[in-house]
């Protein structure tokens, strides 16, 4: 199990609880891709039952599961994984105070802190970007049977994250793409077969 990086040494009790929740959510996932898909389906059902409101606690728990997909991509995505986990931890901690995603957005709008570094709204945007990257990567991966993970990841990164990154970050990510596992290695790490993933 990976250690959670990117957190400040002096963490609040809530942040420690949030990190523990992320670890607990990821333990025992024999087929993480399947577990993530099922968790998002359950989240959608809950949202329908709540009249379109997205509850923050189950959203944070579901997003925590996605971190195992980042870690399965190896060193190329370690920075993205660390960033993602830190932001998910923030949302899990915020769920002790706020019931829904709309609650944190409304509060940050009221405080004029939507774009402020460290705000829940900004962290939510970063989590959304991470989810978008993983979604695009696996869509590319599945659409090109026999294609390389390198091609899928490069295309996904170019579509989702590159427009928001500086030239230096784009170059570093590009170099890191060469360390991605092979298609077969990724399927093995996820404990999925090719047929299960389709």
N, C-alpha and C. Protein backbone atom coordinates (compact mmCIF):
# COMPACT_ATOMS: atom_id res chain seq x y z
N UNK A 1 0.86 -1.18 0.00
CA UNK A 1 0.00 0.00 0.00
C UNK A 1 0.89 1.23 0.00
N UNK A 2 0.55 2.21 -0.82
CA UNK A 2 1.42 3.37 -0.93
C UNK A 2 1.27 4.29 0.27
N UNK A 3 2.32 5.04 0.55
CA UNK A 3 2.24 6.06 1.59
C UNK A 3 1.62 7.30 0.98
N UNK A 4 0.95 8.09 1.76
CA UNK A 4 0.32 9.29 1.25
C UNK A 4 1.30 10.43 1.36
N UNK A 5 1.73 10.89 0.20
CA UNK A 5 2.71 11.95 0.10
C UNK A 5 2.00 13.27 -0.16
N UNK A 6 2.75 14.35 -0.07
CA UNK A 6 2.20 15.65 -0.39
C UNK A 6 1.44 16.30 0.75
N UNK A 7 1.44 15.69 1.92
CA UNK A 7 0.76 16.28 3.06
C UNK A 7 1.79 16.99 3.94
N UNK A 8 1.36 18.05 4.58
CA UNK A 8 2.25 18.78 5.47
C UNK A 8 2.49 17.96 6.74
N UNK A 9 3.68 18.06 7.34
CA UNK A 9 3.98 17.28 8.53
C UNK A 9 3.00 17.51 9.67
N UNK A 10 2.60 18.76 9.89
CA UNK A 10 1.68 19.05 10.99
C UNK A 10 0.25 19.00 10.45
N UNK A 11 -0.34 17.82 10.48
CA UNK A 11 -1.68 17.65 9.95
C UNK A 11 -2.70 17.80 11.07
N UNK A 12 -3.88 18.30 10.68
CA UNK A 12 -4.97 18.35 11.65
C UNK A 12 -5.48 16.93 11.87
N UNK A 13 -6.23 16.75 12.95
CA UNK A 13 -6.82 15.45 13.23
C UNK A 13 -7.74 15.02 12.10
N UNK A 14 -8.47 16.02 11.52
CA UNK A 14 -9.38 15.71 10.43
C UNK A 14 -8.62 15.17 9.22
N UNK A 15 -7.47 15.77 8.91
CA UNK A 15 -6.68 15.31 7.77
C UNK A 15 -6.16 13.90 8.00
N UNK A 16 -5.75 13.60 9.23
CA UNK A 16 -5.29 12.24 9.54
C UNK A 16 -6.44 11.24 9.38
N UNK A 17 -7.64 11.64 9.83
CA UNK A 17 -8.82 10.79 9.66
C UNK A 17 -9.11 10.59 8.18
N UNK A 18 -8.97 11.67 7.39
CA UNK A 18 -9.25 11.58 5.96
C UNK A 18 -8.26 10.64 5.27
N UNK A 19 -6.98 10.75 5.63
CA UNK A 19 -5.98 9.86 5.03
C UNK A 19 -6.27 8.41 5.40
N UNK A 20 -6.68 8.18 6.65
CA UNK A 20 -7.01 6.83 7.08
C UNK A 20 -8.21 6.30 6.30
N UNK A 21 -9.17 7.19 6.01
CA UNK A 21 -10.35 6.77 5.24
C UNK A 21 -9.96 6.38 3.82
N UNK A 22 -9.02 7.12 3.23
CA UNK A 22 -8.56 6.78 1.88
C UNK A 22 -7.89 5.41 1.88
N UNK A 23 -7.02 5.19 2.85
CA UNK A 23 -6.34 3.89 2.94
C UNK A 23 -7.35 2.78 3.13
N UNK A 24 -8.30 2.97 4.04
CA UNK A 24 -9.31 1.94 4.31
C UNK A 24 -10.14 1.66 3.08
N UNK A 25 -10.46 2.70 2.33
CA UNK A 25 -11.27 2.53 1.13
C UNK A 25 -10.56 1.68 0.08
N UNK A 26 -9.24 1.76 0.07
CA UNK A 26 -8.47 1.06 -0.97
C UNK A 26 -8.07 -0.35 -0.58
N UNK A 27 -8.16 -0.70 0.70
CA UNK A 27 -7.71 -2.01 1.12
C UNK A 27 -8.67 -3.10 0.65
N UNK A 28 -8.12 -4.20 0.24
CA UNK A 28 -8.93 -5.35 -0.11
C UNK A 28 -9.59 -5.27 -1.47
N UNK A 29 -9.19 -4.33 -2.31
CA UNK A 29 -9.77 -4.25 -3.65
C UNK A 29 -9.03 -5.23 -4.56
N UNK A 30 -9.63 -6.38 -4.80
CA UNK A 30 -9.00 -7.37 -5.65
C UNK A 30 -9.01 -6.93 -7.11
N UNK A 31 -10.07 -6.27 -7.51
CA UNK A 31 -10.17 -5.75 -8.88
C UNK A 31 -10.52 -4.26 -8.79
N UNK A 32 -9.51 -3.41 -8.66
CA UNK A 32 -9.77 -1.99 -8.41
C UNK A 32 -10.59 -1.30 -9.48
N UNK A 33 -10.39 -1.64 -10.73
CA UNK A 33 -11.14 -0.99 -11.80
C UNK A 33 -12.63 -1.30 -11.67
N UNK A 34 -12.94 -2.54 -11.37
CA UNK A 34 -14.32 -2.95 -11.16
C UNK A 34 -14.90 -2.26 -9.93
N UNK A 35 -14.12 -2.18 -8.85
CA UNK A 35 -14.57 -1.54 -7.62
C UNK A 35 -14.86 -0.06 -7.84
N UNK A 36 -14.01 0.61 -8.61
CA UNK A 36 -14.22 2.03 -8.90
C UNK A 36 -15.50 2.22 -9.71
N UNK A 37 -15.68 1.41 -10.74
CA UNK A 37 -16.88 1.52 -11.58
C UNK A 37 -18.15 1.31 -10.74
N UNK A 38 -18.14 0.30 -9.89
CA UNK A 38 -19.31 0.02 -9.05
C UNK A 38 -19.56 1.15 -8.05
N UNK A 39 -18.49 1.72 -7.51
CA UNK A 39 -18.64 2.81 -6.54
C UNK A 39 -19.25 4.05 -7.20
N UNK A 40 -18.85 4.35 -8.43
CA UNK A 40 -19.43 5.51 -9.12
C UNK A 40 -20.88 5.25 -9.52
N UNK A 41 -21.22 4.02 -9.84
CA UNK A 41 -22.61 3.69 -10.12
C UNK A 41 -23.46 3.89 -8.86
N UNK A 42 -22.94 3.45 -7.72
CA UNK A 42 -23.63 3.63 -6.45
C UNK A 42 -23.78 5.11 -6.10
N UNK A 43 -22.73 5.89 -6.38
CA UNK A 43 -22.77 7.33 -6.13
C UNK A 43 -23.86 7.98 -6.98
N UNK A 44 -23.98 7.57 -8.24
CA UNK A 44 -25.01 8.11 -9.13
C UNK A 44 -26.41 7.76 -8.62
N UNK A 45 -26.58 6.53 -8.14
CA UNK A 45 -27.89 6.13 -7.59
C UNK A 45 -28.23 6.98 -6.35
N UNK A 46 -27.24 7.22 -5.51
CA UNK A 46 -27.45 8.05 -4.33
C UNK A 46 -27.81 9.48 -4.69
N UNK A 47 -27.19 9.98 -5.74
CA UNK A 47 -27.48 11.33 -6.20
C UNK A 47 -28.92 11.43 -6.70
N UNK A 48 -29.36 10.42 -7.43
CA UNK A 48 -30.74 10.40 -7.91
C UNK A 48 -31.71 10.36 -6.72
N UNK A 49 -31.39 9.54 -5.73
CA UNK A 49 -32.26 9.42 -4.55
C UNK A 49 -32.31 10.72 -3.75
N UNK A 50 -31.24 11.53 -3.81
CA UNK A 50 -31.19 12.79 -3.07
C UNK A 50 -31.64 13.97 -3.92
N UNK A 51 -32.37 13.70 -4.99
CA UNK A 51 -32.90 14.78 -5.83
C UNK A 51 -31.85 15.57 -6.56
N UNK A 52 -30.78 14.91 -6.95
CA UNK A 52 -29.73 15.58 -7.72
C UNK A 52 -28.61 16.16 -6.88
N UNK A 53 -28.73 16.11 -5.58
CA UNK A 53 -27.66 16.61 -4.69
C UNK A 53 -26.57 15.55 -4.57
N UNK A 54 -25.33 15.98 -4.70
CA UNK A 54 -24.20 15.06 -4.56
C UNK A 54 -23.61 15.21 -3.17
N UNK A 55 -23.77 14.18 -2.35
CA UNK A 55 -23.29 14.20 -0.97
C UNK A 55 -21.77 14.14 -0.95
N UNK A 56 -21.19 14.98 -0.11
CA UNK A 56 -19.73 15.13 -0.08
C UNK A 56 -19.02 13.90 0.47
N UNK A 57 -19.54 13.30 1.55
CA UNK A 57 -18.85 12.15 2.16
C UNK A 57 -18.74 10.97 1.20
N UNK A 58 -19.84 10.50 0.58
CA UNK A 58 -19.69 9.38 -0.36
C UNK A 58 -18.89 9.76 -1.61
N UNK A 59 -18.97 11.03 -2.01
CA UNK A 59 -18.17 11.47 -3.15
C UNK A 59 -16.68 11.35 -2.83
N UNK A 60 -16.28 11.82 -1.65
CA UNK A 60 -14.88 11.72 -1.24
C UNK A 60 -14.41 10.28 -1.14
N UNK A 61 -15.25 9.42 -0.54
CA UNK A 61 -14.89 8.00 -0.41
C UNK A 61 -14.72 7.34 -1.78
N UNK A 62 -15.62 7.69 -2.71
CA UNK A 62 -15.55 7.11 -4.06
C UNK A 62 -14.30 7.60 -4.79
N UNK A 63 -14.02 8.89 -4.67
CA UNK A 63 -12.82 9.45 -5.31
C UNK A 63 -11.55 8.82 -4.74
N UNK A 64 -11.58 8.47 -3.45
CA UNK A 64 -10.40 7.85 -2.83
C UNK A 64 -10.03 6.54 -3.53
N UNK A 65 -11.03 5.82 -4.00
CA UNK A 65 -10.75 4.55 -4.68
C UNK A 65 -9.93 4.75 -5.95
N UNK A 66 -10.09 5.89 -6.59
CA UNK A 66 -9.42 6.15 -7.87
C UNK A 66 -7.91 6.25 -7.70
N UNK A 67 -7.45 6.58 -6.50
CA UNK A 67 -6.00 6.74 -6.30
C UNK A 67 -5.23 5.46 -6.62
N UNK A 68 -5.86 4.30 -6.45
CA UNK A 68 -5.18 3.05 -6.77
C UNK A 68 -4.95 2.93 -8.27
N UNK A 69 -5.80 3.56 -9.07
CA UNK A 69 -5.59 3.55 -10.52
C UNK A 69 -4.38 4.40 -10.89
N UNK A 70 -4.21 5.53 -10.20
CA UNK A 70 -3.01 6.34 -10.41
C UNK A 70 -1.77 5.53 -10.05
N UNK A 71 -1.79 4.86 -8.89
CA UNK A 71 -0.60 4.14 -8.45
C UNK A 71 -0.28 2.97 -9.38
N UNK A 72 -1.29 2.41 -10.04
CA UNK A 72 -1.03 1.29 -10.96
C UNK A 72 -0.28 1.74 -12.21
N UNK A 73 -0.24 3.06 -12.45
CA UNK A 73 0.45 3.58 -13.63
C UNK A 73 1.94 3.80 -13.38
N UNK A 74 2.37 3.60 -12.16
CA UNK A 74 3.80 3.66 -11.86
C UNK A 74 4.30 5.08 -11.65
N UNK A 75 5.61 5.22 -11.76
CA UNK A 75 6.29 6.47 -11.41
C UNK A 75 5.88 7.64 -12.30
N UNK A 76 5.43 7.37 -13.50
CA UNK A 76 5.03 8.45 -14.42
C UNK A 76 3.92 9.31 -13.84
N UNK A 77 3.08 8.73 -13.02
CA UNK A 77 1.93 9.45 -12.48
C UNK A 77 2.02 9.68 -10.98
N UNK A 78 3.21 9.55 -10.39
CA UNK A 78 3.37 9.73 -8.95
C UNK A 78 3.01 11.14 -8.50
N UNK A 79 3.43 12.14 -9.28
CA UNK A 79 3.11 13.52 -8.90
C UNK A 79 1.60 13.74 -8.96
N UNK A 80 0.97 13.27 -10.03
CA UNK A 80 -0.49 13.42 -10.17
C UNK A 80 -1.20 12.68 -9.06
N UNK A 81 -0.70 11.50 -8.71
CA UNK A 81 -1.30 10.71 -7.63
C UNK A 81 -1.21 11.45 -6.30
N UNK A 82 -0.04 12.00 -6.00
CA UNK A 82 0.17 12.72 -4.75
C UNK A 82 -0.75 13.94 -4.66
N UNK A 83 -0.80 14.69 -5.74
CA UNK A 83 -1.67 15.87 -5.81
C UNK A 83 -3.13 15.47 -5.63
N UNK A 84 -3.53 14.43 -6.32
CA UNK A 84 -4.91 13.97 -6.27
C UNK A 84 -5.29 13.52 -4.86
N UNK A 85 -4.44 12.71 -4.24
CA UNK A 85 -4.73 12.19 -2.90
C UNK A 85 -4.85 13.34 -1.89
N UNK A 86 -3.98 14.32 -1.97
CA UNK A 86 -4.03 15.46 -1.06
C UNK A 86 -5.36 16.19 -1.18
N UNK A 87 -5.82 16.40 -2.42
CA UNK A 87 -7.08 17.13 -2.64
C UNK A 87 -8.28 16.28 -2.20
N UNK A 88 -8.24 14.98 -2.44
CA UNK A 88 -9.32 14.11 -1.98
C UNK A 88 -9.37 14.11 -0.45
N UNK A 89 -8.22 14.06 0.18
CA UNK A 89 -8.17 14.12 1.66
C UNK A 89 -8.84 15.38 2.17
N UNK A 90 -8.62 16.51 1.48
CA UNK A 90 -9.24 17.76 1.88
C UNK A 90 -10.76 17.65 1.81
N UNK A 91 -11.27 17.06 0.74
CA UNK A 91 -12.73 16.94 0.59
C UNK A 91 -13.32 15.98 1.63
N UNK A 92 -12.59 14.90 1.93
CA UNK A 92 -13.06 13.97 2.96
C UNK A 92 -13.11 14.69 4.31
N UNK A 93 -12.09 15.47 4.61
CA UNK A 93 -12.10 16.25 5.85
C UNK A 93 -13.23 17.27 5.88
N UNK A 94 -13.50 17.90 4.73
CA UNK A 94 -14.57 18.91 4.65
C UNK A 94 -15.94 18.29 4.84
N UNK A 95 -16.07 16.99 4.57
CA UNK A 95 -17.38 16.33 4.69
C UNK A 95 -17.85 16.28 6.14
N UNK A 96 -16.96 16.55 7.09
CA UNK A 96 -17.37 16.61 8.51
C UNK A 96 -18.14 17.90 8.79
N UNK A 97 -17.96 18.90 7.92
CA UNK A 97 -18.60 20.20 8.12
C UNK A 97 -19.68 20.50 7.08
N UNK A 98 -19.51 19.98 5.88
CA UNK A 98 -20.43 20.27 4.78
C UNK A 98 -21.08 18.98 4.29
N UNK A 99 -22.38 19.05 3.99
CA UNK A 99 -23.11 17.85 3.58
C UNK A 99 -22.97 17.55 2.09
N UNK A 100 -22.97 18.58 1.25
CA UNK A 100 -22.98 18.36 -0.20
C UNK A 100 -21.88 19.17 -0.89
N UNK A 101 -21.64 18.84 -2.14
CA UNK A 101 -20.69 19.62 -2.93
C UNK A 101 -21.18 21.05 -3.10
N UNK A 102 -22.48 21.21 -3.27
CA UNK A 102 -23.03 22.57 -3.41
C UNK A 102 -22.77 23.41 -2.16
N UNK A 103 -22.77 22.77 -1.00
CA UNK A 103 -22.52 23.51 0.25
C UNK A 103 -21.12 24.13 0.25
N UNK A 104 -20.11 23.36 -0.18
CA UNK A 104 -18.75 23.93 -0.17
C UNK A 104 -18.61 25.00 -1.24
N UNK A 105 -19.26 24.80 -2.39
CA UNK A 105 -19.20 25.82 -3.44
C UNK A 105 -19.89 27.10 -2.99
N UNK A 106 -21.07 26.96 -2.39
CA UNK A 106 -21.80 28.15 -1.91
C UNK A 106 -20.98 28.92 -0.88
N UNK A 107 -20.34 28.20 0.03
CA UNK A 107 -19.55 28.85 1.08
C UNK A 107 -18.35 29.58 0.49
N UNK A 108 -17.66 28.94 -0.47
CA UNK A 108 -16.50 29.59 -1.08
C UNK A 108 -16.91 30.79 -1.93
N UNK A 109 -18.07 30.71 -2.59
CA UNK A 109 -18.57 31.86 -3.34
C UNK A 109 -18.88 33.00 -2.37
N UNK A 110 -19.54 32.67 -1.27
CA UNK A 110 -19.87 33.67 -0.24
C UNK A 110 -18.62 34.34 0.31
N UNK A 111 -17.55 33.56 0.49
CA UNK A 111 -16.29 34.10 1.04
C UNK A 111 -15.34 34.61 -0.02
N UNK A 112 -15.76 34.59 -1.29
CA UNK A 112 -14.92 35.01 -2.42
C UNK A 112 -13.58 34.28 -2.42
N UNK A 113 -13.64 32.95 -2.15
CA UNK A 113 -12.41 32.16 -2.06
C UNK A 113 -12.38 30.99 -3.04
N UNK A 114 -13.24 31.04 -4.06
CA UNK A 114 -13.33 29.93 -5.02
C UNK A 114 -11.98 29.64 -5.67
N UNK A 115 -11.26 30.70 -6.05
CA UNK A 115 -9.97 30.52 -6.74
C UNK A 115 -8.78 30.58 -5.80
N UNK A 116 -9.04 30.72 -4.51
CA UNK A 116 -7.96 30.83 -3.54
C UNK A 116 -7.29 29.48 -3.34
N UNK A 117 -5.96 29.48 -3.34
CA UNK A 117 -5.21 28.25 -3.14
C UNK A 117 -5.60 27.62 -1.80
N UNK A 118 -5.91 26.33 -1.84
CA UNK A 118 -6.28 25.60 -0.64
C UNK A 118 -7.77 25.61 -0.35
N UNK A 119 -8.55 26.38 -1.11
CA UNK A 119 -9.99 26.38 -0.87
C UNK A 119 -10.58 25.03 -1.31
N UNK A 120 -11.70 24.68 -0.70
CA UNK A 120 -12.35 23.42 -1.05
C UNK A 120 -12.78 23.42 -2.52
N UNK A 121 -13.23 24.56 -3.01
CA UNK A 121 -13.67 24.65 -4.41
C UNK A 121 -12.51 24.39 -5.37
N UNK A 122 -11.37 24.99 -5.05
CA UNK A 122 -10.21 24.78 -5.92
C UNK A 122 -9.73 23.33 -5.83
N UNK A 123 -9.77 22.76 -4.64
CA UNK A 123 -9.37 21.36 -4.49
C UNK A 123 -10.34 20.44 -5.22
N UNK A 124 -11.63 20.79 -5.20
CA UNK A 124 -12.62 20.02 -5.95
C UNK A 124 -12.31 20.06 -7.44
N UNK A 125 -11.91 21.21 -7.93
CA UNK A 125 -11.55 21.34 -9.35
C UNK A 125 -10.36 20.43 -9.69
N UNK A 126 -9.39 20.37 -8.80
CA UNK A 126 -8.22 19.51 -9.03
C UNK A 126 -8.61 18.03 -9.01
N UNK A 127 -9.51 17.66 -8.11
CA UNK A 127 -9.99 16.27 -8.07
C UNK A 127 -10.71 15.96 -9.36
N UNK A 128 -11.54 16.89 -9.81
CA UNK A 128 -12.28 16.70 -11.07
C UNK A 128 -11.32 16.52 -12.24
N UNK A 129 -10.24 17.29 -12.24
CA UNK A 129 -9.23 17.17 -13.29
C UNK A 129 -8.57 15.79 -13.25
N UNK A 130 -8.26 15.31 -12.04
CA UNK A 130 -7.68 13.97 -11.89
C UNK A 130 -8.62 12.88 -12.37
N UNK A 131 -9.91 13.02 -12.02
CA UNK A 131 -10.90 12.05 -12.49
C UNK A 131 -11.01 12.09 -14.02
N UNK A 132 -10.98 13.29 -14.57
CA UNK A 132 -11.04 13.43 -16.02
C UNK A 132 -9.87 12.78 -16.72
N UNK A 133 -8.68 12.91 -16.11
CA UNK A 133 -7.48 12.29 -16.68
C UNK A 133 -7.59 10.78 -16.68
N UNK A 134 -7.99 10.20 -15.56
CA UNK A 134 -8.12 8.74 -15.47
C UNK A 134 -9.20 8.25 -16.43
N UNK A 135 -10.31 8.96 -16.50
CA UNK A 135 -11.41 8.57 -17.41
C UNK A 135 -10.92 8.57 -18.86
N UNK A 136 -10.27 9.66 -19.27
CA UNK A 136 -9.79 9.77 -20.64
C UNK A 136 -8.73 8.71 -20.94
N UNK A 137 -7.85 8.45 -19.98
CA UNK A 137 -6.79 7.46 -20.19
C UNK A 137 -7.38 6.07 -20.43
N UNK A 138 -8.33 5.67 -19.58
CA UNK A 138 -8.90 4.34 -19.74
C UNK A 138 -9.82 4.25 -20.96
N UNK A 139 -10.47 5.34 -21.32
CA UNK A 139 -11.24 5.33 -22.57
C UNK A 139 -10.32 5.11 -23.76
N UNK A 140 -9.19 5.82 -23.78
CA UNK A 140 -8.21 5.63 -24.86
C UNK A 140 -7.64 4.22 -24.85
N UNK A 141 -7.35 3.73 -23.67
CA UNK A 141 -6.76 2.41 -23.49
C UNK A 141 -7.69 1.33 -24.05
N UNK A 142 -8.99 1.45 -23.74
CA UNK A 142 -9.95 0.45 -24.19
C UNK A 142 -10.32 0.60 -25.66
N UNK A 143 -10.23 1.84 -26.18
CA UNK A 143 -10.61 2.09 -27.57
C UNK A 143 -9.58 1.56 -28.56
N UNK A 144 -8.35 1.38 -28.09
CA UNK A 144 -7.28 0.94 -28.99
C UNK A 144 -6.79 -0.42 -28.55
N UNK A 145 -7.55 -1.45 -28.87
CA UNK A 145 -7.16 -2.81 -28.48
C UNK A 145 -5.79 -3.12 -29.07
N UNK A 146 -4.88 -3.50 -28.22
CA UNK A 146 -3.52 -3.78 -28.68
C UNK A 146 -2.64 -2.55 -28.70
N UNK A 147 -3.23 -1.36 -28.50
CA UNK A 147 -2.45 -0.13 -28.47
C UNK A 147 -1.66 -0.02 -27.18
N UNK A 148 -0.70 0.87 -27.18
CA UNK A 148 0.16 0.99 -26.00
C UNK A 148 -0.46 1.91 -24.95
N UNK A 149 -0.10 1.67 -23.71
CA UNK A 149 -0.51 2.55 -22.61
C UNK A 149 0.12 3.92 -22.80
N UNK A 150 1.33 3.96 -23.33
CA UNK A 150 2.01 5.24 -23.60
C UNK A 150 1.14 6.12 -24.49
N UNK A 151 0.63 5.56 -25.58
CA UNK A 151 -0.20 6.34 -26.50
C UNK A 151 -1.48 6.82 -25.82
N UNK A 152 -2.12 5.91 -25.07
CA UNK A 152 -3.36 6.26 -24.37
C UNK A 152 -3.12 7.37 -23.36
N UNK A 153 -2.05 7.25 -22.57
CA UNK A 153 -1.75 8.23 -21.53
C UNK A 153 -1.35 9.57 -22.13
N UNK A 154 -0.56 9.54 -23.19
CA UNK A 154 -0.13 10.78 -23.84
C UNK A 154 -1.32 11.54 -24.41
N UNK A 155 -2.22 10.82 -25.05
CA UNK A 155 -3.42 11.46 -25.61
C UNK A 155 -4.30 12.01 -24.50
N UNK A 156 -4.52 11.22 -23.46
CA UNK A 156 -5.37 11.65 -22.33
C UNK A 156 -4.79 12.89 -21.65
N UNK A 157 -3.49 12.87 -21.39
CA UNK A 157 -2.84 14.01 -20.75
C UNK A 157 -2.97 15.26 -21.64
N UNK A 158 -2.75 15.08 -22.93
CA UNK A 158 -2.85 16.21 -23.86
C UNK A 158 -4.24 16.82 -23.88
N UNK A 159 -5.26 15.99 -23.77
CA UNK A 159 -6.64 16.47 -23.79
C UNK A 159 -7.05 17.13 -22.48
N UNK A 160 -6.65 16.55 -21.35
CA UNK A 160 -7.21 16.95 -20.06
C UNK A 160 -6.32 17.92 -19.28
N UNK A 161 -5.05 17.61 -19.13
CA UNK A 161 -4.20 18.38 -18.21
C UNK A 161 -3.25 19.37 -18.88
N UNK A 162 -2.72 19.00 -20.04
CA UNK A 162 -1.72 19.83 -20.69
C UNK A 162 -2.14 21.29 -20.85
N UNK A 163 -3.41 21.57 -21.19
CA UNK A 163 -3.79 22.98 -21.34
C UNK A 163 -3.63 23.82 -20.07
N UNK A 164 -3.56 23.18 -18.91
CA UNK A 164 -3.44 23.90 -17.65
C UNK A 164 -2.01 23.92 -17.11
N UNK A 165 -1.09 23.21 -17.77
CA UNK A 165 0.28 23.09 -17.27
C UNK A 165 1.25 23.94 -18.06
N UNK A 166 2.30 24.36 -17.36
CA UNK A 166 3.36 25.14 -18.02
C UNK A 166 4.17 24.23 -18.94
N UNK A 167 4.98 24.87 -19.78
CA UNK A 167 5.83 24.12 -20.71
C UNK A 167 6.74 23.16 -19.94
N UNK A 168 7.32 23.62 -18.83
CA UNK A 168 8.26 22.78 -18.06
C UNK A 168 7.55 21.54 -17.51
N UNK A 169 6.34 21.70 -17.00
CA UNK A 169 5.61 20.55 -16.47
C UNK A 169 5.24 19.59 -17.59
N UNK A 170 4.81 20.13 -18.73
CA UNK A 170 4.46 19.27 -19.88
C UNK A 170 5.66 18.45 -20.32
N UNK A 171 6.84 19.07 -20.34
CA UNK A 171 8.06 18.35 -20.74
C UNK A 171 8.39 17.25 -19.73
N UNK A 172 8.27 17.55 -18.44
CA UNK A 172 8.56 16.55 -17.41
C UNK A 172 7.59 15.38 -17.49
N UNK A 173 6.32 15.68 -17.70
CA UNK A 173 5.32 14.62 -17.83
C UNK A 173 5.62 13.78 -19.06
N UNK A 174 5.97 14.44 -20.16
CA UNK A 174 6.31 13.72 -21.39
C UNK A 174 7.46 12.74 -21.19
N UNK A 175 8.48 13.17 -20.46
CA UNK A 175 9.62 12.29 -20.18
C UNK A 175 9.18 11.12 -19.30
N UNK A 176 8.31 11.41 -18.32
CA UNK A 176 7.84 10.37 -17.42
C UNK A 176 6.99 9.32 -18.09
N UNK A 177 6.37 9.66 -19.21
CA UNK A 177 5.50 8.71 -19.92
C UNK A 177 6.27 7.46 -20.37
N UNK A 178 7.59 7.62 -20.56
CA UNK A 178 8.38 6.47 -21.02
C UNK A 178 8.56 5.42 -19.92
N UNK A 179 8.17 5.75 -18.69
CA UNK A 179 8.30 4.78 -17.59
C UNK A 179 6.99 4.04 -17.32
N UNK A 180 5.97 4.30 -18.12
CA UNK A 180 4.68 3.62 -17.92
C UNK A 180 4.83 2.12 -18.09
N UNK A 181 4.02 1.34 -17.38
CA UNK A 181 4.05 -0.11 -17.59
C UNK A 181 3.49 -0.46 -18.96
N UNK A 182 3.73 -1.67 -19.40
CA UNK A 182 3.15 -2.12 -20.66
C UNK A 182 1.65 -2.35 -20.46
N UNK A 183 0.95 -2.52 -21.55
CA UNK A 183 -0.48 -2.83 -21.49
C UNK A 183 -0.73 -4.07 -20.65
N UNK A 184 0.07 -5.10 -20.88
CA UNK A 184 -0.08 -6.37 -20.16
C UNK A 184 0.22 -6.20 -18.67
N UNK A 185 1.25 -5.42 -18.35
CA UNK A 185 1.59 -5.18 -16.95
C UNK A 185 0.47 -4.45 -16.22
N UNK A 186 -0.15 -3.47 -16.89
CA UNK A 186 -1.23 -2.73 -16.26
C UNK A 186 -2.43 -3.64 -15.99
N UNK A 187 -2.79 -4.46 -16.96
CA UNK A 187 -3.91 -5.39 -16.78
C UNK A 187 -3.63 -6.33 -15.61
N UNK A 188 -2.37 -6.77 -15.50
CA UNK A 188 -2.00 -7.65 -14.40
C UNK A 188 -2.07 -6.92 -13.06
N UNK A 189 -1.59 -5.68 -13.02
CA UNK A 189 -1.62 -4.90 -11.77
C UNK A 189 -3.06 -4.66 -11.31
N UNK A 190 -3.95 -4.49 -12.26
CA UNK A 190 -5.35 -4.25 -11.93
C UNK A 190 -6.12 -5.54 -11.70
N UNK A 191 -5.45 -6.66 -11.92
CA UNK A 191 -6.07 -7.98 -11.72
C UNK A 191 -7.33 -8.13 -12.58
N UNK A 192 -7.24 -7.59 -13.79
CA UNK A 192 -8.36 -7.68 -14.73
C UNK A 192 -7.88 -8.46 -15.95
N UNK A 193 -8.82 -9.04 -16.65
CA UNK A 193 -8.48 -9.63 -17.95
C UNK A 193 -8.90 -8.63 -19.02
N UNK A 194 -8.39 -8.78 -20.21
CA UNK A 194 -8.78 -7.90 -21.30
C UNK A 194 -10.28 -7.89 -21.50
N UNK A 195 -10.93 -9.07 -21.39
CA UNK A 195 -12.37 -9.16 -21.60
C UNK A 195 -13.14 -8.44 -20.49
N UNK A 196 -12.65 -8.55 -19.24
CA UNK A 196 -13.33 -7.90 -18.12
C UNK A 196 -13.30 -6.38 -18.29
N UNK A 197 -12.22 -5.85 -18.85
CA UNK A 197 -12.07 -4.42 -18.97
C UNK A 197 -12.94 -3.85 -20.08
N UNK A 198 -13.39 -4.70 -20.99
CA UNK A 198 -14.23 -4.24 -22.10
C UNK A 198 -15.66 -4.45 -21.78
